[in-house]
Amino acid sequence: MAKEIIWHGKSEQEVLKMDMKQFMQLVPSRARRSLTRGYTPAQKSLMARLEAGDKEIKTHVRDIIITPIMIGKTLKVYSGKDFFPVNVTLEMLGHTLGEFSHSRKVVSHSAAGVGATRSSKAVSAR
């Protein structure tokens, strides 16, 4: 039997039925302040596309707070180079979209490059 996921004591069905004022009481203060001030024009157009039910949504808006309207949708969020798909789940509520589309990758160094000196090409035996 799968474990039911709960967010702030509410199931997914209860969260989907909540209006924005009830949702804002449950999110942290920074997200609540952002939602109270209202959406920017870019965020408004993204929300309009979500409410219209568009299938493939690509967006550059990384600073929008994830709300119950977005649950179950897949958004392609721009990372600065590519669009990465983000499947919005219940646990993501109150966070921003940019937190789930990383813009930096892990640095992995290899051998010394062309023109390196002899001493920098030497690798210790450890």
C-alpha atoms as a PDB file:
ATOM      1  CA  MET A   1       0.000   0.000   0.000  1.00  0.00           C
ATOM      2  CA  ALA A   2       1.408   3.371  -1.005  1.00  0.00           C
ATOM      3  CA  LYS A   3       1.883   5.968   1.689  1.00  0.00           C
ATOM      4  CA  GLU A   4      -0.344   9.030   1.328  1.00  0.00           C
ATOM      5  CA  ILE A   5       1.627  12.245   1.036  1.00  0.00           C
ATOM      6  CA  ILE A   6       0.578  15.004   3.416  1.00  0.00           C
ATOM      7  CA  TRP A   7       1.538  18.699   3.109  1.00  0.00           C
ATOM      8  CA  HIS A   8       1.036  20.772   6.280  1.00  0.00           C
ATOM      9  CA  GLY A   9      -1.563  18.263   7.503  1.00  0.00           C
ATOM     10  CA  LYS A  10      -3.587  18.329   4.284  1.00  0.00           C
ATOM     11  CA  SER A  11      -3.930  15.690   1.589  1.00  0.00           C
ATOM     12  CA  GLU A  12      -3.547  16.476  -2.102  1.00  0.00           C
ATOM     13  CA  GLN A  13      -7.323  16.658  -2.650  1.00  0.00           C
ATOM     14  CA  GLU A  14      -7.712  19.122   0.240  1.00  0.00           C
ATOM     15  CA  VAL A  15      -4.880  21.283  -1.099  1.00  0.00           C
ATOM     16  CA  LEU A  16      -6.407  21.371  -4.590  1.00  0.00           C
ATOM     17  CA  LYS A  17      -9.717  22.632  -3.109  1.00  0.00           C
ATOM     18  CA  MET A  18      -8.064  25.463  -1.140  1.00  0.00           C
ATOM     19  CA  ASP A  19      -8.343  29.048  -2.314  1.00  0.00           C
ATOM     20  CA  MET A  20      -5.311  31.357  -2.467  1.00  0.00           C
ATOM     21  CA  LYS A  21      -5.907  32.991   0.954  1.00  0.00           C
ATOM     22  CA  GLN A  22      -5.948  29.617   2.731  1.00  0.00           C
ATOM     23  CA  PHE A  23      -2.844  28.532   0.819  1.00  0.00           C
ATOM     24  CA  MET A  24      -1.000  31.738   1.735  1.00  0.00           C
ATOM     25  CA  GLN A  25      -1.562  31.078   5.441  1.00  0.00           C
ATOM     26  CA  LEU A  26       0.344  27.782   5.166  1.00  0.00           C
ATOM     27  CA  VAL A  27       3.416  28.886   3.194  1.00  0.00           C
ATOM     28  CA  PRO A  28       6.528  30.525   4.731  1.00  0.00           C
ATOM     29  CA  SER A  29       6.636  34.297   5.141  1.00  0.00           C
ATOM     30  CA  ARG A  30       8.859  35.007   2.107  1.00  0.00           C
ATOM     31  CA  ALA A  31       6.495  33.137  -0.235  1.00  0.00           C
ATOM     32  CA  ARG A  32       3.460  34.737   1.431  1.00  0.00           C
ATOM     33  CA  ARG A  33       4.933  38.214   0.918  1.00  0.00           C
ATOM     34  CA  SER A  34       5.681  37.455  -2.741  1.00  0.00           C
ATOM     35  CA  LEU A  35       2.127  36.213  -3.338  1.00  0.00           C
ATOM     36  CA  THR A  36       0.601  39.176  -1.476  1.00  0.00           C
ATOM     37  CA  ARG A  37       2.395  41.662  -3.730  1.00  0.00           C
ATOM     38  CA  GLY A  38       0.923  39.970  -6.805  1.00  0.00           C
ATOM     39  CA  TYR A  39       2.348  38.475  -9.957  1.00  0.00           C
ATOM     40  CA  THR A  40       4.655  40.196 -12.422  1.00  0.00           C
ATOM     41  CA  PRO A  41       3.465  40.383 -16.067  1.00  0.00           C
ATOM     42  CA  ALA A  42       5.594  37.345 -16.997  1.00  0.00           C
ATOM     43  CA  GLN A  43       4.185  35.364 -14.062  1.00  0.00           C
ATOM     44  CA  LYS A  44       0.634  36.401 -15.027  1.00  0.00           C
ATOM     45  CA  SER A  45       1.092  35.048 -18.548  1.00  0.00           C
ATOM     46  CA  LEU A  46       2.466  31.761 -17.170  1.00  0.00           C
ATOM     47  CA  MET A  47      -0.518  31.408 -14.812  1.00  0.00           C
ATOM     48  CA  ALA A  48      -2.908  32.141 -17.704  1.00  0.00           C
ATOM     49  CA  ARG A  49      -1.309  29.357 -19.751  1.00  0.00           C
ATOM     50  CA  LEU A  50      -1.556  26.969 -16.784  1.00  0.00           C
ATOM     51  CA  GLU A  51      -5.244  27.748 -16.258  1.00  0.00           C
ATOM     52  CA  ALA A  52      -5.905  27.368 -19.991  1.00  0.00           C
ATOM     53  CA  GLY A  53      -4.541  23.821 -19.801  1.00  0.00           C
ATOM     54  CA  ASP A  54      -1.655  24.081 -22.271  1.00  0.00           C
ATOM     55  CA  LYS A  55       0.175  20.766 -22.636  1.00  0.00           C
ATOM     56  CA  GLU A  56       3.775  21.850 -23.256  1.00  0.00           C
ATOM     57  CA  ILE A  57       4.742  24.939 -21.315  1.00  0.00           C
ATOM     58  CA  LYS A  58       8.260  26.333 -21.607  1.00  0.00           C
ATOM     59  CA  THR A  59       9.108  29.205 -19.305  1.00  0.00           C
ATOM     60  CA  HIS A  60      11.946  31.488 -18.261  1.00  0.00           C
ATOM     61  CA  VAL A  61      10.073  32.444 -15.077  1.00  0.00           C
ATOM     62  CA  ARG A  62      12.123  30.815 -12.327  1.00  0.00           C
ATOM     63  CA  ASP A  63      10.998  33.036  -9.450  1.00  0.00           C
ATOM     64  CA  ILE A  64       7.298  32.127  -9.338  1.00  0.00           C
ATOM     65  CA  ILE A  65       6.014  30.431  -6.166  1.00  0.00           C
ATOM     66  CA  ILE A  66       4.565  26.972  -6.813  1.00  0.00           C
ATOM     67  CA  THR A  67       0.829  27.007  -6.048  1.00  0.00           C
ATOM     68  CA  PRO A  68      -1.827  24.249  -5.984  1.00  0.00           C
ATOM     69  CA  ILE A  69      -2.853  25.085  -9.573  1.00  0.00           C
ATOM     70  CA  MET A  70       0.510  23.714 -10.773  1.00  0.00           C
ATOM     71  CA  ILE A  71       0.278  20.290  -9.051  1.00  0.00           C
ATOM     72  CA  GLY A  72       0.483  17.412 -11.511  1.00  0.00           C
ATOM     73  CA  LYS A  73       1.729  19.546 -14.399  1.00  0.00           C
ATOM     74  CA  THR A  74       5.090  19.307 -16.159  1.00  0.00           C
ATOM     75  CA  LEU A  75       6.782  22.622 -16.875  1.00  0.00           C
ATOM     76  CA  LYS A  76       9.973  23.049 -18.853  1.00  0.00           C
ATOM     77  CA  VAL A  77      12.029  25.596 -16.910  1.00  0.00           C
ATOM     78  CA  TYR A  78      14.972  27.417 -18.487  1.00  0.00           C
ATOM     79  CA  SER A  79      18.282  26.872 -16.695  1.00  0.00           C
ATOM     80  CA  GLY A  80      20.329  29.407 -18.659  1.00  0.00           C
ATOM     81  CA  LYS A  81      21.234  26.906 -21.354  1.00  0.00           C
ATOM     82  CA  ASP A  82      18.447  24.330 -21.728  1.00  0.00           C
ATOM     83  CA  PHE A  83      14.846  23.763 -20.726  1.00  0.00           C
ATOM     84  CA  PHE A  84      14.584  21.053 -18.064  1.00  0.00           C
ATOM     85  CA  PRO A  85      11.254  19.331 -17.333  1.00  0.00           C
ATOM     86  CA  VAL A  86       9.969  19.815 -13.789  1.00  0.00           C
ATOM     87  CA  ASN A  87       7.120  17.580 -12.610  1.00  0.00           C
ATOM     88  CA  VAL A  88       5.308  19.565  -9.908  1.00  0.00           C
ATOM     89  CA  THR A  89       4.325  17.503  -6.865  1.00  0.00           C
ATOM     90  CA  LEU A  90       2.697  18.236  -3.525  1.00  0.00           C
ATOM     91  CA  GLU A  91       6.015  18.583  -1.666  1.00  0.00           C
ATOM     92  CA  MET A  92       7.105  21.462  -3.937  1.00  0.00           C
ATOM     93  CA  LEU A  93       4.357  23.850  -2.774  1.00  0.00           C
ATOM     94  CA  GLY A  94       5.713  27.155  -1.468  1.00  0.00           C
ATOM     95  CA  HIS A  95       9.066  26.790  -3.250  1.00  0.00           C
ATOM     96  CA  THR A  96      10.082  28.524  -6.483  1.00  0.00           C
ATOM     97  CA  LEU A  97      10.362  26.840  -9.886  1.00  0.00           C
ATOM     98  CA  GLY A  98      14.042  27.755 -10.168  1.00  0.00           C
ATOM     99  CA  GLU A  99      14.914  25.574  -7.178  1.00  0.00           C
ATOM    100  CA  PHE A 100      14.117  22.473  -9.227  1.00  0.00           C
ATOM    101  CA  SER A 101      15.916  23.439 -12.451  1.00  0.00           C
ATOM    102  CA  HIS A 102      19.578  23.748 -11.562  1.00  0.00           C
ATOM    103  CA  SER A 103      21.567  26.380 -13.426  1.00  0.00           C
ATOM    104  CA  ARG A 104      25.000  25.125 -12.436  1.00  0.00           C
ATOM    105  CA  LYS A 105      26.618  21.762 -12.963  1.00  0.00           C
ATOM    106  CA  VAL A 106      29.254  19.901 -10.981  1.00  0.00           C
ATOM    107  CA  VAL A 107      32.826  20.783 -11.899  1.00  0.00           C
ATOM    108  CA  SER A 108      34.937  17.742 -12.724  1.00  0.00           C
ATOM    109  CA  HIS A 109      38.545  18.378 -13.624  1.00  0.00           C
ATOM    110  CA  SER A 110      40.518  16.043 -15.831  1.00  0.00           C
ATOM    111  CA  ALA A 111      44.106  16.079 -17.092  1.00  0.00           C
ATOM    112  CA  ALA A 112      46.054  19.277 -17.700  1.00  0.00           C
ATOM    113  CA  GLY A 113      45.291  21.058 -20.954  1.00  0.00           C
ATOM    114  CA  VAL A 114      47.350  21.785 -24.045  1.00  0.00           C
ATOM    115  CA  GLY A 115      50.371  23.983 -23.315  1.00  0.00           C
ATOM    116  CA  ALA A 116      50.557  23.080 -19.636  1.00  0.00           C
ATOM    117  CA  THR A 117      53.997  22.987 -18.068  1.00  0.00           C
ATOM    118  CA  ARG A 118      55.730  19.736 -17.135  1.00  0.00           C
ATOM    119  CA  SER A 119      55.165  20.305 -13.433  1.00  0.00           C
ATOM    120  CA  SER A 120      51.414  20.769 -13.791  1.00  0.00           C
ATOM    121  CA  LYS A 121      51.123  17.550 -15.818  1.00  0.00           C
ATOM    122  CA  ALA A 122      52.669  15.516 -13.015  1.00  0.00           C
ATOM    123  CA  VAL A 123      50.026  13.747 -10.944  1.00  0.00           C
ATOM    124  CA  SER A 124      50.798  12.438  -7.481  1.00  0.00           C
ATOM    125  CA  ALA A 125      50.564   8.674  -6.898  1.00  0.00           C
ATOM    126  CA  ARG A 126      48.159   8.972  -3.952  1.00  0.00           C
END
